[in-house]
Protein backbone atom coordinates (compact mmCIF):
# COMPACT_ATOMS: atom_id res chain seq x y z
CA MET A 1 0.05 -0.03 -0.02
CA THR A 2 1.31 3.54 -1.03
CA ALA A 3 2.06 6.08 1.67
CA GLN A 4 -0.52 8.37 0.01
CA ALA A 5 -3.34 5.70 0.31
CA THR A 6 -2.50 5.20 3.95
CA GLU A 7 -2.69 9.04 4.49
CA ARG A 8 -5.94 9.08 2.55
CA GLY A 9 -7.25 6.26 4.89
CA ALA A 10 -6.34 8.03 8.02
CA GLU A 11 -7.74 11.32 6.79
CA TRP A 12 -11.12 9.57 6.00
CA LEU A 13 -11.16 8.18 9.58
CA GLY A 14 -10.42 11.65 11.00
CA GLN A 15 -13.50 13.10 9.19
CA ALA A 16 -15.65 10.78 11.31
CA GLY A 17 -13.54 11.31 14.55
CA LEU A 18 -12.73 7.41 14.46
CA ARG A 19 -9.44 6.50 16.31
CA PRO A 20 -6.94 5.63 13.64
CA THR A 21 -5.80 2.04 14.78
CA ARG A 22 -3.43 0.33 12.63
CA GLN A 23 -6.02 -2.25 11.44
CA ARG A 24 -8.53 0.58 10.59
CA VAL A 25 -5.87 2.55 8.68
CA ALA A 26 -5.05 -0.33 6.70
CA LEU A 27 -8.62 -1.18 5.87
CA ALA A 28 -9.66 2.41 5.24
CA ALA A 29 -6.55 2.86 2.79
CA LEU A 30 -7.74 -0.28 0.86
CA LEU A 31 -11.28 1.44 0.52
CA VAL A 32 -10.59 4.93 -0.19
CA GLY A 33 -6.80 5.08 -0.64
CA ASP A 34 -7.00 5.66 -4.58
CA GLY A 35 -9.86 8.24 -4.09
CA ARG A 36 -12.57 6.04 -5.76
CA ASN A 37 -15.52 4.60 -4.21
CA ARG A 38 -15.95 0.93 -3.52
CA HIS A 39 -18.62 -1.69 -3.24
CA VAL A 40 -17.01 -4.43 -0.93
CA THR A 41 -18.27 -7.49 1.16
CA ALA A 42 -16.49 -8.40 4.60
CA GLU A 43 -15.07 -11.20 2.71
CA SER A 44 -13.63 -9.39 -0.26
CA LEU A 45 -12.17 -6.69 2.10
CA PHE A 46 -10.58 -9.44 4.07
CA ALA A 47 -9.23 -11.01 0.96
CA ALA A 48 -7.77 -7.83 -0.24
CA SER A 49 -6.09 -7.16 3.11
CA LYS A 50 -4.35 -10.51 3.05
CA GLU A 51 -3.17 -9.79 -0.45
CA HIS A 52 -1.76 -6.76 0.90
CA GLY A 53 0.16 -8.64 3.77
CA GLU A 54 -2.24 -7.24 6.71
CA SER A 55 -2.92 -9.32 9.46
CA VAL A 56 -6.66 -8.76 10.18
CA SER A 57 -9.23 -11.46 11.10
CA LEU A 58 -12.49 -11.51 9.36
CA ALA A 59 -14.28 -10.66 12.62
CA THR A 60 -12.20 -7.52 12.94
CA VAL A 61 -13.16 -6.70 9.27
CA TYR A 62 -16.94 -6.92 9.96
CA ASN A 63 -16.60 -5.03 13.29
CA THR A 64 -14.57 -2.26 11.35
CA LEU A 65 -17.14 -2.10 8.56
CA ARG A 66 -19.94 -1.79 11.24
CA ALA A 67 -17.91 1.05 12.85
CA PHE A 68 -17.45 2.88 9.64
CA CYS A 69 -21.12 2.61 8.79
CA ASP A 70 -22.08 3.76 12.24
CA ALA A 71 -19.79 6.66 11.94
CA GLY A 72 -21.30 7.78 8.54
CA LEU A 73 -18.38 6.88 6.48
CA MET A 74 -20.17 3.94 4.56
CA GLN A 75 -23.53 2.68 4.02
CA GLU A 76 -24.61 -1.00 3.98
CA VAL A 77 -26.62 -2.29 1.01
CA THR A 78 -28.55 -5.44 1.76
CA VAL A 79 -29.00 -7.42 -1.64
CA ASP A 80 -30.62 -10.44 -0.02
CA GLY A 81 -31.31 -11.90 3.62
CA ASN A 82 -27.54 -13.21 3.70
CA ARG A 83 -25.56 -10.82 1.71
CA SER A 84 -24.52 -7.28 2.46
CA TYR A 85 -22.36 -4.96 0.58
CA PHE A 86 -20.67 -1.94 1.92
CA ASP A 87 -20.39 1.31 -0.06
CA THR A 88 -18.10 4.07 0.38
CA ASN A 89 -20.47 6.48 -1.57
CA THR A 90 -22.74 7.71 1.18
CA ARG A 91 -25.04 9.80 -0.89
CA GLU A 92 -28.32 8.44 -1.62
CA HIS A 93 -28.08 6.60 -4.92
CA PRO A 94 -29.71 3.29 -6.74
CA HIS A 95 -27.53 0.31 -7.18
CA PHE A 96 -27.38 -2.59 -9.86
CA PHE A 97 -26.89 -6.09 -8.35
CA TRP A 98 -25.26 -8.39 -11.12
CA GLU A 99 -26.51 -11.68 -10.24
CA ASP A 100 -24.33 -13.72 -12.52
CA GLU A 101 -21.31 -12.23 -11.04
CA GLY A 102 -22.42 -11.37 -7.69
CA HIS A 103 -21.37 -7.78 -7.49
CA LEU A 104 -22.83 -4.46 -7.02
CA THR A 105 -22.35 -1.20 -8.89
CA ASP A 106 -23.94 2.34 -8.92
CA ALA A 107 -26.89 2.81 -11.12
CA PRO A 108 -27.51 6.31 -12.58
CA SER A 109 -29.41 8.43 -10.10
CA ASP A 110 -30.73 10.87 -12.79
CA GLN A 111 -32.61 8.07 -14.39
CA LEU A 112 -34.46 7.00 -11.38
CA VAL A 113 -37.92 8.77 -10.78
CA ILE A 114 -39.85 7.69 -7.77
CA THR A 115 -43.21 9.55 -8.09
CA GLN A 116 -44.96 8.35 -4.94
CA LEU A 117 -44.08 6.09 -1.95
CA PRO A 118 -46.95 4.15 0.22
CA ASP A 119 -47.97 5.92 3.44
CA ALA A 120 -46.04 4.86 6.50
CA PRO A 121 -48.31 2.87 9.00
CA ASP A 122 -49.48 4.77 11.90
CA GLY A 123 -46.69 5.48 14.34
CA ALA A 124 -43.75 5.17 11.70
CA GLU A 125 -41.96 7.22 9.34
CA ILE A 126 -40.02 6.37 6.18
CA ALA A 127 -36.36 6.65 7.20
CA SER A 128 -34.76 5.85 3.63
CA VAL A 129 -35.70 4.29 0.40
CA ASP A 130 -33.15 1.73 -0.80
CA VAL A 131 -33.19 0.79 -4.75
CA VAL A 132 -31.46 -2.40 -5.77
CA ILE A 133 -32.09 -3.47 -9.36
CA ARG A 134 -31.15 -6.98 -10.04
CA LEU A 135 -29.56 -7.61 -13.53
CA ARG A 136 -28.41 -10.77 -15.62
CA ARG A 137 -26.74 -11.21 -18.38
CA LYS A 138 -29.06 -11.85 -21.69
CA GLY A 139 -28.49 -15.06 -23.47
């Protein structure tokens, strides 16, 4: 990992007031070190950390991703009941889930139009709307 990626990761943590532990900085550098947004699973981030020689357990990766989400640095996108992706792009936007490859990408926000939502039940309010559009290759 480059010094610039590590510095970006540490700055990203600082924006949220998170303590920059060695493991957090290493994972943050993998997520935002090149300045691009990422969609990762805990398992894919764990594998990437191993490839870069980081000694981080899978449990630590899960806990760190949860801390990043709680701090507002990432958002969790649930694709089905047992698969979550973590997105470094925290603005509201739709996603494409590529079923054949099992990965998530951003969908164009400007092409999505939601004209009306159902009323929330009594005593509840709508907190957010997540849009995941499932895709598969033709043929």
